[in-house]
């Protein structure tokens, strides 16, 4: 089971405990969302590279033109 560390900012007391059901559910949702974001970023990078390839320029050259 995944562990959580709760730290009291005033006393510095640390408590290590197992995640509860709500926290585990949120962890799974966060993992799915992170995978979706990573896929979207990869798709965007692929599409951008395809445009650059069609134009016959590099990313650095595109930055110079657009910047």
PDB file of N, CA and C in Angstrom:
ATOM      1  N   UNK A   1       0.841  -1.185   0.000  1.00  0.00           N
ATOM      2  CA  UNK A   1       0.000   0.000   0.000  1.00  0.00           C
ATOM      3  C   UNK A   1       0.884   1.245   0.000  1.00  0.00           C
ATOM      4  N   UNK A   2       0.403   2.281  -0.582  1.00  0.00           N
ATOM      5  CA  UNK A   2       1.151   3.529  -0.671  1.00  0.00           C
ATOM      6  C   UNK A   2       1.088   4.267   0.658  1.00  0.00           C
ATOM      7  N   UNK A   3       2.203   4.847   1.019  1.00  0.00           N
ATOM      8  CA  UNK A   3       2.321   5.549   2.291  1.00  0.00           C
ATOM      9  C   UNK A   3       2.191   7.054   2.101  1.00  0.00           C
ATOM     10  N   UNK A   4       1.718   7.731   3.159  1.00  0.00           N
ATOM     11  CA  UNK A   4       1.601   9.183   3.202  1.00  0.00           C
ATOM     12  C   UNK A   4       2.318   9.643   4.461  1.00  0.00           C
ATOM     13  N   UNK A   5       3.064  10.725   4.346  1.00  0.00           N
ATOM     14  CA  UNK A   5       3.709  11.315   5.516  1.00  0.00           C
ATOM     15  C   UNK A   5       3.024  12.634   5.838  1.00  0.00           C
ATOM     16  N   UNK A   6       2.409  12.698   7.008  1.00  0.00           N
ATOM     17  CA  UNK A   6       1.795  13.935   7.491  1.00  0.00           C
ATOM     18  C   UNK A   6       2.805  14.618   8.415  1.00  0.00           C
ATOM     19  N   UNK A   7       3.086  15.893   8.151  1.00  0.00           N
ATOM     20  CA  UNK A   7       4.047  16.642   8.970  1.00  0.00           C
ATOM     21  C   UNK A   7       3.342  17.833   9.586  1.00  0.00           C
ATOM     22  N   UNK A   8       3.422  17.938  10.895  1.00  0.00           N
ATOM     23  CA  UNK A   8       2.877  19.080  11.623  1.00  0.00           C
ATOM     24  C   UNK A   8       3.901  20.202  11.520  1.00  0.00           C
ATOM     25  N   UNK A   9       3.514  21.296  10.876  1.00  0.00           N
ATOM     26  CA  UNK A   9       4.429  22.401  10.641  1.00  0.00           C
ATOM     27  C   UNK A   9       4.865  23.118  11.910  1.00  0.00           C
ATOM     28  N   UNK A  10       4.085  23.031  12.940  1.00  0.00           N
ATOM     29  CA  UNK A  10       4.417  23.722  14.183  1.00  0.00           C
ATOM     30  C   UNK A  10       5.341  22.883  15.056  1.00  0.00           C
ATOM     31  N   UNK A  11       4.953  21.621  15.257  1.00  0.00           N
ATOM     32  CA  UNK A  11       5.733  20.773  16.164  1.00  0.00           C
ATOM     33  C   UNK A  11       6.806  19.969  15.439  1.00  0.00           C
ATOM     34  N   UNK A  12       6.669  19.817  14.125  1.00  0.00           N
ATOM     35  CA  UNK A  12       7.617  19.012  13.364  1.00  0.00           C
ATOM     36  C   UNK A  12       7.333  17.521  13.465  1.00  0.00           C
ATOM     37  N   UNK A  13       6.268  17.147  14.153  1.00  0.00           N
ATOM     38  CA  UNK A  13       5.908  15.741  14.313  1.00  0.00           C
ATOM     39  C   UNK A  13       5.553  15.150  12.949  1.00  0.00           C
ATOM     40  N   UNK A  14       6.069  13.957  12.677  1.00  0.00           N
ATOM     41  CA  UNK A  14       5.797  13.277  11.419  1.00  0.00           C
ATOM     42  C   UNK A  14       5.050  11.984  11.698  1.00  0.00           C
ATOM     43  N   UNK A  15       4.000  11.749  10.909  1.00  0.00           N
ATOM     44  CA  UNK A  15       3.223  10.519  11.023  1.00  0.00           C
ATOM     45  C   UNK A  15       3.194   9.880   9.646  1.00  0.00           C
ATOM     46  N   UNK A  16       3.663   8.647   9.551  1.00  0.00           N
ATOM     47  CA  UNK A  16       3.627   7.896   8.296  1.00  0.00           C
ATOM     48  C   UNK A  16       2.470   6.917   8.399  1.00  0.00           C
ATOM     49  N   UNK A  17       1.598   6.951   7.389  1.00  0.00           N
ATOM     50  CA  UNK A  17       0.409   6.105   7.418  1.00  0.00           C
ATOM     51  C   UNK A  17       0.090   5.620   6.012  1.00  0.00           C
ATOM     52  N   UNK A  18      -0.785   4.608   5.936  1.00  0.00           N
ATOM     53  CA  UNK A  18      -1.268   4.139   4.645  1.00  0.00           C
ATOM     54  C   UNK A  18      -2.303   5.122   4.106  1.00  0.00           C
ATOM     55  N   UNK A  19      -2.386   5.219   2.767  1.00  0.00           N
ATOM     56  CA  UNK A  19      -3.408   6.062   2.157  1.00  0.00           C
ATOM     57  C   UNK A  19      -4.784   5.477   2.431  1.00  0.00           C
ATOM     58  N   UNK A  20      -5.769   6.351   2.597  1.00  0.00           N
ATOM     59  CA  UNK A  20      -7.142   5.863   2.754  1.00  0.00           C
ATOM     60  C   UNK A  20      -7.760   5.679   1.364  1.00  0.00           C
ATOM     61  N   UNK A  21      -8.990   5.197   1.317  1.00  0.00           N
ATOM     62  CA  UNK A  21      -9.637   4.873   0.042  1.00  0.00           C
ATOM     63  C   UNK A  21      -9.773   6.101  -0.860  1.00  0.00           C
ATOM     64  N   UNK A  22     -10.125   7.252  -0.291  1.00  0.00           N
ATOM     65  CA  UNK A  22     -10.267   8.470  -1.098  1.00  0.00           C
ATOM     66  C   UNK A  22      -8.934   8.888  -1.705  1.00  0.00           C
ATOM     67  N   UNK A  23      -7.872   8.793  -0.914  1.00  0.00           N
ATOM     68  CA  UNK A  23      -6.543   9.176  -1.401  1.00  0.00           C
ATOM     69  C   UNK A  23      -6.062   8.225  -2.491  1.00  0.00           C
ATOM     70  N   UNK A  24      -6.337   6.922  -2.325  1.00  0.00           N
ATOM     71  CA  UNK A  24      -5.957   5.955  -3.358  1.00  0.00           C
ATOM     72  C   UNK A  24      -6.714   6.206  -4.657  1.00  0.00           C
ATOM     73  N   UNK A  25      -8.000   6.523  -4.542  1.00  0.00           N
ATOM     74  CA  UNK A  25      -8.799   6.819  -5.734  1.00  0.00           C
ATOM     75  C   UNK A  25      -8.261   8.057  -6.440  1.00  0.00           C
ATOM     76  N   UNK A  26      -7.917   9.090  -5.672  1.00  0.00           N
ATOM     77  CA  UNK A  26      -7.369  10.310  -6.260  1.00  0.00           C
ATOM     78  C   UNK A  26      -6.017  10.045  -6.914  1.00  0.00           C
ATOM     79  N   UNK A  27      -5.209   9.191  -6.293  1.00  0.00           N
ATOM     80  CA  UNK A  27      -3.910   8.832  -6.863  1.00  0.00           C
ATOM     81  C   UNK A  27      -4.084   8.189  -8.231  1.00  0.00           C
ATOM     82  N   UNK A  28      -5.049   7.286  -8.341  1.00  0.00           N
ATOM     83  CA  UNK A  28      -5.300   6.628  -9.622  1.00  0.00           C
ATOM     84  C   UNK A  28      -5.795   7.630 -10.665  1.00  0.00           C
ATOM     85  N   UNK A  29      -6.676   8.544 -10.264  1.00  0.00           N
ATOM     86  CA  UNK A  29      -7.142   9.584 -11.194  1.00  0.00           C
ATOM     87  C   UNK A  29      -5.980  10.464 -11.652  1.00  0.00           C
ATOM     88  N   UNK A  30      -5.091  10.798 -10.724  1.00  0.00           N
ATOM     89  CA  UNK A  30      -3.935  11.631 -11.066  1.00  0.00           C
ATOM     90  C   UNK A  30      -2.998  10.912 -12.035  1.00  0.00           C
ATOM     91  N   UNK A  31      -2.826   9.607 -11.852  1.00  0.00           N
ATOM     92  CA  UNK A  31      -1.970   8.834 -12.761  1.00  0.00           C
ATOM     93  C   UNK A  31      -2.536   8.827 -14.166  1.00  0.00           C
ATOM     94  N   UNK A  32      -3.859   8.632 -14.272  1.00  0.00           N
ATOM     95  CA  UNK A  32      -4.521   8.630 -15.581  1.00  0.00           C
ATOM     96  C   UNK A  32      -4.385   9.998 -16.238  1.00  0.00           C
ATOM     97  N   UNK A  33      -4.613  11.057 -15.461  1.00  0.00           N
ATOM     98  CA  UNK A  33      -4.512  12.411 -15.996  1.00  0.00           C
ATOM     99  C   UNK A  33      -3.091  12.711 -16.462  1.00  0.00           C
ATOM    100  N   UNK A  34      -2.102  12.259 -15.704  1.00  0.00           N
ATOM    101  CA  UNK A  34      -0.704  12.494 -16.086  1.00  0.00           C
ATOM    102  C   UNK A  34      -0.366  11.776 -17.389  1.00  0.00           C
ATOM    103  N   UNK A  35      -0.890  10.570 -17.570  1.00  0.00           N
ATOM    104  CA  UNK A  35      -0.658   9.840 -18.819  1.00  0.00           C
ATOM    105  C   UNK A  35      -1.307  10.559 -19.996  1.00  0.00           C
ATOM    106  N   UNK A  36      -2.517  11.095 -19.779  1.00  0.00           N
ATOM    107  CA  UNK A  36      -3.207  11.832 -20.837  1.00  0.00           C
ATOM    108  C   UNK A  36      -2.444  13.095 -21.221  1.00  0.00           C
ATOM    109  N   UNK A  37      -1.923  13.800 -20.237  1.00  0.00           N
ATOM    110  CA  UNK A  37      -1.146  15.017 -20.498  1.00  0.00           C
ATOM    111  C   UNK A  37       0.125  14.672 -21.265  1.00  0.00           C
ATOM    112  N   UNK A  38       0.807  13.609 -20.844  1.00  0.00           N
ATOM    113  CA  UNK A  38       2.037  13.206 -21.521  1.00  0.00           C
ATOM    114  C   UNK A  38       1.759  12.825 -22.973  1.00  0.00           C
ATOM    115  N   UNK A  39       0.654  12.113 -23.213  1.00  0.00           N
ATOM    116  CA  UNK A  39       0.303  11.730 -24.582  1.00  0.00           C
ATOM    117  C   UNK A  39      -0.032  12.969 -25.409  1.00  0.00           C
ATOM    118  N   UNK A  40      -0.765  13.910 -24.833  1.00  0.00           N
ATOM    119  CA  UNK A  40      -1.112  15.134 -25.558  1.00  0.00           C
ATOM    120  C   UNK A  40       0.139  15.926 -25.910  1.00  0.00           C
ATOM    121  N   UNK A  41       1.096  15.995 -24.987  1.00  0.00           N
ATOM    122  CA  UNK A  41       2.340  16.712 -25.260  1.00  0.00           C
ATOM    123  C   UNK A  41       3.141  16.015 -26.355  1.00  0.00           C
ATOM    124  N   UNK A  42       3.178  14.690 -26.315  1.00  0.00           N
ATOM    125  CA  UNK A  42       3.901  13.940 -27.344  1.00  0.00           C
ATOM    126  C   UNK A  42       3.236  14.126 -28.711  1.00  0.00           C
ATOM    127  N   UNK A  43       1.895  14.100 -28.738  1.00  0.00           N
ATOM    128  CA  UNK A  43       1.174  14.310 -29.993  1.00  0.00           C
ATOM    129  C   UNK A  43       1.433  15.708 -30.545  1.00  0.00           C
ATOM    130  N   UNK A  44       1.464  16.698 -29.661  1.00  0.00           N
ATOM    131  CA  UNK A  44       1.714  18.075 -30.088  1.00  0.00           C
ATOM    132  C   UNK A  44       3.123  18.208 -30.654  1.00  0.00           C
ATOM    133  N   UNK A  45       4.094  17.577 -29.999  1.00  0.00           N
ATOM    134  CA  UNK A  45       5.476  17.638 -30.473  1.00  0.00           C
ATOM    135  C   UNK A  45       5.606  16.947 -31.832  1.00  0.00           C
ATOM    136  N   UNK A  46       4.913  15.844 -32.000  1.00  0.00           N
ATOM    137  CA  UNK A  46       4.945  15.126 -33.277  1.00  0.00           C
ATOM    138  C   UNK A  46       4.334  15.972 -34.384  1.00  0.00           C
ATOM    139  N   UNK A  47       3.205  16.605 -34.091  1.00  0.00           N
ATOM    140  CA  UNK A  47       2.554  17.457 -35.092  1.00  0.00           C
ATOM    141  C   UNK A  47       3.430  18.650 -35.444  1.00  0.00           C
ATOM    142  N   UNK A  48       4.055  19.239 -34.429  1.00  0.00           N
ATOM    143  CA  UNK A  48       4.938  20.384 -34.678  1.00  0.00           C
ATOM    144  C   UNK A  48       6.113  19.978 -35.564  1.00  0.00           C
ATOM    145  N   UNK A  49       6.689  18.806 -35.267  1.00  0.00           N
ATOM    146  CA  UNK A  49       7.823  18.347 -36.071  1.00  0.00           C
ATOM    147  C   UNK A  49       7.385  18.057 -37.501  1.00  0.00           C
ATOM    148  N   UNK A  50       6.177  17.553 -37.686  1.00  0.00           N
ATOM    149  CA  UNK A  50       5.669  17.291 -39.029  1.00  0.00           C
ATOM    150  C   UNK A  50       5.560  18.590 -39.826  1.00  0.00           C
ATOM    151  N   UNK A  51       5.091  19.655 -39.178  1.00  0.00           N
ATOM    152  CA  UNK A  51       4.999  20.957 -39.852  1.00  0.00           C
ATOM    153  C   UNK A  51       6.393  21.460 -40.216  1.00  0.00           C
ATOM    154  N   UNK A  52       7.312  21.354 -39.271  1.00  0.00           N
ATOM    155  CA  UNK A  52       8.680  21.804 -39.556  1.00  0.00           C
ATOM    156  C   UNK A  52       9.296  21.009 -40.699  1.00  0.00           C
ATOM    157  N   UNK A  53       9.038  19.704 -40.735  1.00  0.00           N
ATOM    158  CA  UNK A  53       9.568  18.865 -41.815  1.00  0.00           C
ATOM    159  C   UNK A  53       8.982  19.288 -43.160  1.00  0.00           C
ATOM    160  N   UNK A  54       7.665  19.592 -43.182  1.00  0.00           N
ATOM    161  CA  UNK A  54       7.038  20.046 -44.429  1.00  0.00           C
ATOM    162  C   UNK A  54       7.620  21.363 -44.904  1.00  0.00           C
ATOM    163  N   UNK A  55       7.953  22.233 -43.947  1.00  0.00           N
ATOM    164  CA  UNK A  55       8.537  23.522 -44.299  1.00  0.00           C
ATOM    165  C   UNK A  55      10.026  23.409 -44.613  1.00  0.00           C
ATOM    166  N   UNK A  56      10.633  22.317 -44.205  1.00  0.00           N
ATOM    167  CA  UNK A  56      12.053  22.108 -44.456  1.00  0.00           C
ATOM    168  C   UNK A  56      12.947  22.963 -43.563  1.00  0.00           C
ATOM    169  N   UNK A  57      12.480  23.258 -42.341  1.00  0.00           N
ATOM    170  CA  UNK A  57      13.289  24.058 -41.418  1.00  0.00           C
ATOM    171  C   UNK A  57      13.421  23.322 -40.091  1.00  0.00           C
ATOM    172  N   UNK A  58      14.409  23.738 -39.303  1.00  0.00           N
ATOM    173  CA  UNK A  58      14.617  23.152 -37.989  1.00  0.00           C
ATOM    174  C   UNK A  58      13.830  23.936 -36.933  1.00  0.00           C
ATOM    175  N   UNK A  59      13.764  23.385 -35.745  1.00  0.00           N
ATOM    176  CA  UNK A  59      13.088  24.079 -34.642  1.00  0.00           C
ATOM    177  C   UNK A  59      13.789  25.390 -34.312  1.00  0.00           C
ATOM    178  N   UNK A  60      15.114  25.405 -34.393  1.00  0.00           N
ATOM    179  CA  UNK A  60      15.863  26.631 -34.127  1.00  0.00           C
ATOM    180  C   UNK A  60      15.548  27.704 -35.169  1.00  0.00           C
ATOM    181  N   UNK A  61      15.450  27.292 -36.424  1.00  0.00           N
ATOM    182  CA  UNK A  61      15.128  28.252 -37.472  1.00  0.00           C
ATOM    183  C   UNK A  61      13.706  28.794 -37.304  1.00  0.00           C
ATOM    184  N   UNK A  62      12.779  27.927 -36.891  1.00  0.00           N
ATOM    185  CA  UNK A  62      11.414  28.379 -36.652  1.00  0.00           C
ATOM    186  C   UNK A  62      11.376  29.369 -35.487  1.00  0.00           C
ATOM    187  N   UNK A  63      12.163  29.124 -34.459  1.00  0.00           N
ATOM    188  CA  UNK A  63      12.218  30.041 -33.312  1.00  0.00           C
ATOM    189  C   UNK A  63      12.748  31.402 -33.755  1.00  0.00           C
ATOM    190  N   UNK A  64      13.734  31.417 -34.638  1.00  0.00           N
ATOM    191  CA  UNK A  64      14.255  32.676 -35.135  1.00  0.00           C
ATOM    192  C   UNK A  64      13.205  33.435 -35.950  1.00  0.00           C
ATOM    193  N   UNK A  65      12.444  32.713 -36.738  1.00  0.00           N
ATOM    194  CA  UNK A  65      11.415  33.347 -37.567  1.00  0.00           C
ATOM    195  C   UNK A  65      10.279  33.887 -36.726  1.00  0.00           C
ATOM    196  N   UNK A  66       9.905  33.150 -35.682  1.00  0.00           N
ATOM    197  CA  UNK A  66       8.737  33.525 -34.878  1.00  0.00           C
ATOM    198  C   UNK A  66       9.096  34.401 -33.690  1.00  0.00           C
ATOM    199  N   UNK A  67      10.359  34.413 -33.310  1.00  0.00           N
ATOM    200  CA  UNK A  67      10.758  35.147 -32.116  1.00  0.00           C
ATOM    201  C   UNK A  67      11.240  36.488 -32.451  1.00  0.00           C
TER     202      UNK A  67
END
